[in-house]
PDB file of N, CA and C in Angstrom:
ATOM      1  N   MET A   1       0.816  -1.183   0.000  1.00  0.00           N
ATOM      2  CA  MET A   1       0.000   0.000   0.000  1.00  0.00           C
ATOM      3  C   MET A   1       0.866   1.256   0.000  1.00  0.00           C
ATOM      4  N   ALA A   2       1.981   1.205   0.693  1.00  0.00           N
ATOM      5  CA  ALA A   2       2.874   2.368   0.754  1.00  0.00           C
ATOM      6  C   ALA A   2       3.471   2.697  -0.609  1.00  0.00           C
ATOM      7  N   LEU A   3       3.511   1.732  -1.501  1.00  0.00           N
ATOM      8  CA  LEU A   3       4.064   1.953  -2.839  1.00  0.00           C
ATOM      9  C   LEU A   3       2.986   2.428  -3.807  1.00  0.00           C
ATOM     10  N   ASP A   4       1.775   2.659  -3.314  1.00  0.00           N
ATOM     11  CA  ASP A   4       0.654   3.133  -4.116  1.00  0.00           C
ATOM     12  C   ASP A   4       0.315   2.161  -5.242  1.00  0.00           C
ATOM     13  N   VAL A   5       0.317   0.873  -4.906  1.00  0.00           N
ATOM     14  CA  VAL A   5      -0.073  -0.175  -5.844  1.00  0.00           C
ATOM     15  C   VAL A   5      -1.501  -0.593  -5.478  1.00  0.00           C
ATOM     16  N   HIS A   6      -2.364  -0.650  -6.471  1.00  0.00           N
ATOM     17  CA  HIS A   6      -3.743  -1.051  -6.212  1.00  0.00           C
ATOM     18  C   HIS A   6      -3.750  -2.462  -5.619  1.00  0.00           C
ATOM     19  N   PRO A   7      -4.535  -2.694  -4.569  1.00  0.00           N
ATOM     20  CA  PRO A   7      -4.551  -4.010  -3.919  1.00  0.00           C
ATOM     21  C   PRO A   7      -4.838  -5.175  -4.867  1.00  0.00           C
ATOM     22  N   ARG A   8      -5.710  -4.969  -5.844  1.00  0.00           N
ATOM     23  CA  ARG A   8      -6.014  -6.056  -6.789  1.00  0.00           C
ATOM     24  C   ARG A   8      -4.809  -6.366  -7.679  1.00  0.00           C
ATOM     25  N   ALA A   9      -4.047  -5.342  -8.036  1.00  0.00           N
ATOM     26  CA  ALA A   9      -2.834  -5.572  -8.832  1.00  0.00           C
ATOM     27  C   ALA A   9      -1.819  -6.357  -8.005  1.00  0.00           C
ATOM     28  N   ALA A  10      -1.657  -5.975  -6.747  1.00  0.00           N
ATOM     29  CA  ALA A  10      -0.737  -6.700  -5.863  1.00  0.00           C
ATOM     30  C   ALA A  10      -1.191  -8.152  -5.703  1.00  0.00           C
ATOM     31  N   MET A  11      -2.490  -8.342  -5.573  1.00  0.00           N
ATOM     32  CA  MET A  11      -3.038  -9.690  -5.434  1.00  0.00           C
ATOM     33  C   MET A  11      -2.673 -10.554  -6.636  1.00  0.00           C
ATOM     34  N   GLN A  12      -2.807 -10.001  -7.831  1.00  0.00           N
ATOM     35  CA  GLN A  12      -2.478 -10.763  -9.031  1.00  0.00           C
ATOM     36  C   GLN A  12      -0.984 -11.046  -9.125  1.00  0.00           C
ATOM     37  N   ILE A  13      -0.170 -10.044  -8.834  1.00  0.00           N
ATOM     38  CA  ILE A  13       1.286 -10.213  -8.896  1.00  0.00           C
ATOM     39  C   ILE A  13       1.751 -11.274  -7.905  1.00  0.00           C
ATOM     40  N   LEU A  14       1.192 -11.227  -6.708  1.00  0.00           N
ATOM     41  CA  LEU A  14       1.605 -12.146  -5.647  1.00  0.00           C
ATOM     42  C   LEU A  14       0.910 -13.504  -5.730  1.00  0.00           C
ATOM     43  N   ARG A  15      -0.027 -13.615  -6.669  1.00  0.00           N
ATOM     44  CA  ARG A  15      -0.755 -14.854  -6.921  1.00  0.00           C
ATOM     45  C   ARG A  15      -1.567 -15.329  -5.713  1.00  0.00           C
ATOM     46  N   HIS A  16      -2.155 -14.373  -4.995  1.00  0.00           N
ATOM     47  CA  HIS A  16      -3.061 -14.720  -3.904  1.00  0.00           C
ATOM     48  C   HIS A  16      -4.427 -15.014  -4.498  1.00  0.00           C
ATOM     49  N   SER A  17      -5.104 -16.000  -3.962  1.00  0.00           N
ATOM     50  CA  SER A  17      -6.424 -16.353  -4.477  1.00  0.00           C
ATOM     51  C   SER A  17      -7.521 -15.490  -3.854  1.00  0.00           C
ATOM     52  N   GLN A  18      -7.220 -14.830  -2.745  1.00  0.00           N
ATOM     53  CA  GLN A  18      -8.220 -14.003  -2.067  1.00  0.00           C
ATOM     54  C   GLN A  18      -7.618 -12.654  -1.712  1.00  0.00           C
ATOM     55  N   ILE A  19      -8.382 -11.590  -1.924  1.00  0.00           N
ATOM     56  CA  ILE A  19      -7.906 -10.241  -1.609  1.00  0.00           C
ATOM     57  C   ILE A  19      -7.645 -10.087  -0.115  1.00  0.00           C
ATOM     58  N   SER A  20      -8.365 -10.838   0.710  1.00  0.00           N
ATOM     59  CA  SER A  20      -8.173 -10.731   2.159  1.00  0.00           C
ATOM     60  C   SER A  20      -6.761 -11.139   2.567  1.00  0.00           C
ATOM     61  N   VAL A  21      -6.184 -12.100   1.868  1.00  0.00           N
ATOM     62  CA  VAL A  21      -4.811 -12.516   2.167  1.00  0.00           C
ATOM     63  C   VAL A  21      -3.856 -11.354   1.888  1.00  0.00           C
ATOM     64  N   THR A  22      -4.004 -10.745   0.732  1.00  0.00           N
ATOM     65  CA  THR A  22      -3.145  -9.621   0.357  1.00  0.00           C
ATOM     66  C   THR A  22      -3.288  -8.486   1.360  1.00  0.00           C
ATOM     67  N   MET A  23      -4.516  -8.151   1.689  1.00  0.00           N
ATOM     68  CA  MET A  23      -4.757  -7.024   2.590  1.00  0.00           C
ATOM     69  C   MET A  23      -4.254  -7.310   4.006  1.00  0.00           C
ATOM     70  N   ASN A  24      -4.407  -8.536   4.477  1.00  0.00           N
ATOM     71  CA  ASN A  24      -3.940  -8.864   5.826  1.00  0.00           C
ATOM     72  C   ASN A  24      -2.425  -8.808   5.933  1.00  0.00           C
ATOM     73  N   ILE A  25      -1.737  -9.155   4.871  1.00  0.00           N
ATOM     74  CA  ILE A  25      -0.281  -9.193   4.904  1.00  0.00           C
ATOM     75  C   ILE A  25       0.335  -7.841   4.574  1.00  0.00           C
ATOM     76  N   TYR A  26      -0.205  -7.165   3.564  1.00  0.00           N
ATOM     77  CA  TYR A  26       0.485  -6.001   3.003  1.00  0.00           C
ATOM     78  C   TYR A  26      -0.164  -4.659   3.270  1.00  0.00           C
ATOM     79  N   SER A  27      -1.165  -4.582   4.120  1.00  0.00           N
ATOM     80  CA  SER A  27      -1.841  -3.302   4.318  1.00  0.00           C
ATOM     81  C   SER A  27      -1.265  -2.463   5.452  1.00  0.00           C
ATOM     82  N   GLU A  28      -0.292  -2.973   6.185  1.00  0.00           N
ATOM     83  CA  GLU A  28       0.310  -2.170   7.242  1.00  0.00           C
ATOM     84  C   GLU A  28       1.199  -1.096   6.647  1.00  0.00           C
ATOM     85  N   VAL A  29       1.260   0.036   7.312  1.00  0.00           N
ATOM     86  CA  VAL A  29       2.144   1.114   6.866  1.00  0.00           C
ATOM     87  C   VAL A  29       3.546   0.782   7.370  1.00  0.00           C
ATOM     88  N   PRO A  30       4.514   0.697   6.454  1.00  0.00           N
ATOM     89  CA  PRO A  30       5.859   0.306   6.870  1.00  0.00           C
ATOM     90  C   PRO A  30       6.584   1.418   7.612  1.00  0.00           C
ATOM     91  N   SER A  31       7.570   1.016   8.371  1.00  0.00           N
ATOM     92  CA  SER A  31       8.385   1.985   9.099  1.00  0.00           C
ATOM     93  C   SER A  31       9.278   2.735   8.121  1.00  0.00           C
ATOM     94  N   GLU A  32       9.877   3.808   8.567  1.00  0.00           N
ATOM     95  CA  GLU A  32      10.778   4.604   7.726  1.00  0.00           C
ATOM     96  C   GLU A  32      11.947   3.761   7.228  1.00  0.00           C
ATOM     97  N   GLU A  33      12.479   2.890   8.061  1.00  0.00           N
ATOM     98  CA  GLU A  33      13.591   2.037   7.636  1.00  0.00           C
ATOM     99  C   GLU A  33      13.157   1.074   6.524  1.00  0.00           C
ATOM    100  N   THR A  34      11.942   0.557   6.625  1.00  0.00           N
ATOM    101  CA  THR A  34      11.437  -0.323   5.576  1.00  0.00           C
ATOM    102  C   THR A  34      11.288   0.445   4.274  1.00  0.00           C
ATOM    103  N   ARG A  35      10.772   1.678   4.356  1.00  0.00           N
ATOM    104  CA  ARG A  35      10.629   2.504   3.152  1.00  0.00           C
ATOM    105  C   ARG A  35      11.982   2.748   2.500  1.00  0.00           C
ATOM    106  N   LYS A  36      12.988   3.043   3.299  1.00  0.00           N
ATOM    107  CA  LYS A  36      14.334   3.282   2.760  1.00  0.00           C
ATOM    108  C   LYS A  36      14.873   2.025   2.070  1.00  0.00           C
ATOM    109  N   ALA A  37      14.675   0.883   2.697  1.00  0.00           N
ATOM    110  CA  ALA A  37      15.163  -0.373   2.116  1.00  0.00           C
ATOM    111  C   ALA A  37      14.446  -0.678   0.798  1.00  0.00           C
ATOM    112  N   LEU A  38      13.148  -0.456   0.757  1.00  0.00           N
ATOM    113  CA  LEU A  38      12.395  -0.698  -0.469  1.00  0.00           C
ATOM    114  C   LEU A  38      12.823   0.260  -1.580  1.00  0.00           C
ATOM    115  N   LYS A  39      13.127   1.496  -1.234  1.00  0.00           N
ATOM    116  CA  LYS A  39      13.598   2.461  -2.229  1.00  0.00           C
ATOM    117  C   LYS A  39      14.928   1.998  -2.807  1.00  0.00           C
ATOM    118  N   LYS A  40      15.831   1.557  -1.947  1.00  0.00           N
ATOM    119  CA  LYS A  40      17.130   1.069  -2.422  1.00  0.00           C
ATOM    120  C   LYS A  40      16.953  -0.137  -3.338  1.00  0.00           C
ATOM    121  N   LEU A  41      16.087  -1.046  -2.950  1.00  0.00           N
ATOM    122  CA  LEU A  41      15.837  -2.232  -3.764  1.00  0.00           C
ATOM    123  C   LEU A  41      15.243  -1.833  -5.118  1.00  0.00           C
ATOM    124  N   GLY A  42      14.281  -0.952  -5.091  1.00  0.00           N
ATOM    125  CA  GLY A  42      13.661  -0.491  -6.329  1.00  0.00           C
ATOM    126  C   GLY A  42      14.660   0.201  -7.247  1.00  0.00           C
ATOM    127  N   ASP A  43      15.519   1.030  -6.661  1.00  0.00           N
ATOM    128  CA  ASP A  43      16.542   1.725  -7.456  1.00  0.00           C
ATOM    129  C   ASP A  43      17.479   0.711  -8.097  1.00  0.00           C
ATOM    130  N   ARG A  44      17.848  -0.309  -7.368  1.00  0.00           N
ATOM    131  CA  ARG A  44      18.751  -1.339  -7.875  1.00  0.00           C
ATOM    132  C   ARG A  44      18.095  -2.133  -9.007  1.00  0.00           C
ATOM    133  N   LEU A  45      16.820  -2.453  -8.838  1.00  0.00           N
ATOM    134  CA  LEU A  45      16.115  -3.222  -9.856  1.00  0.00           C
ATOM    135  C   LEU A  45      15.891  -2.408 -11.131  1.00  0.00           C
ATOM    136  N   ASP A  46      15.799  -1.097 -11.003  1.00  0.00           N
ATOM    137  CA  ASP A  46      15.605  -0.239 -12.171  1.00  0.00           C
ATOM    138  C   ASP A  46      16.867  -0.094 -13.010  1.00  0.00           C
ATOM    139  N   SER A  47      18.030  -0.339 -12.413  1.00  0.00           N
ATOM    140  CA  SER A  47      19.279  -0.116 -13.164  1.00  0.00           C
ATOM    141  C   SER A  47      19.727  -1.344 -13.923  1.00  0.00           C
TER     142      SER A  47
END
């Protein structure tokens, strides 16, 4: 959710059969350290 990805898109990417699974796992707001780590990972994957 912090990456502004629609929950249904995340559900399809992650291959969850139910939206409730996606929402229960990925709907928490991550800490600042998690955001920084995800940004670094995203930057690395883009290059």
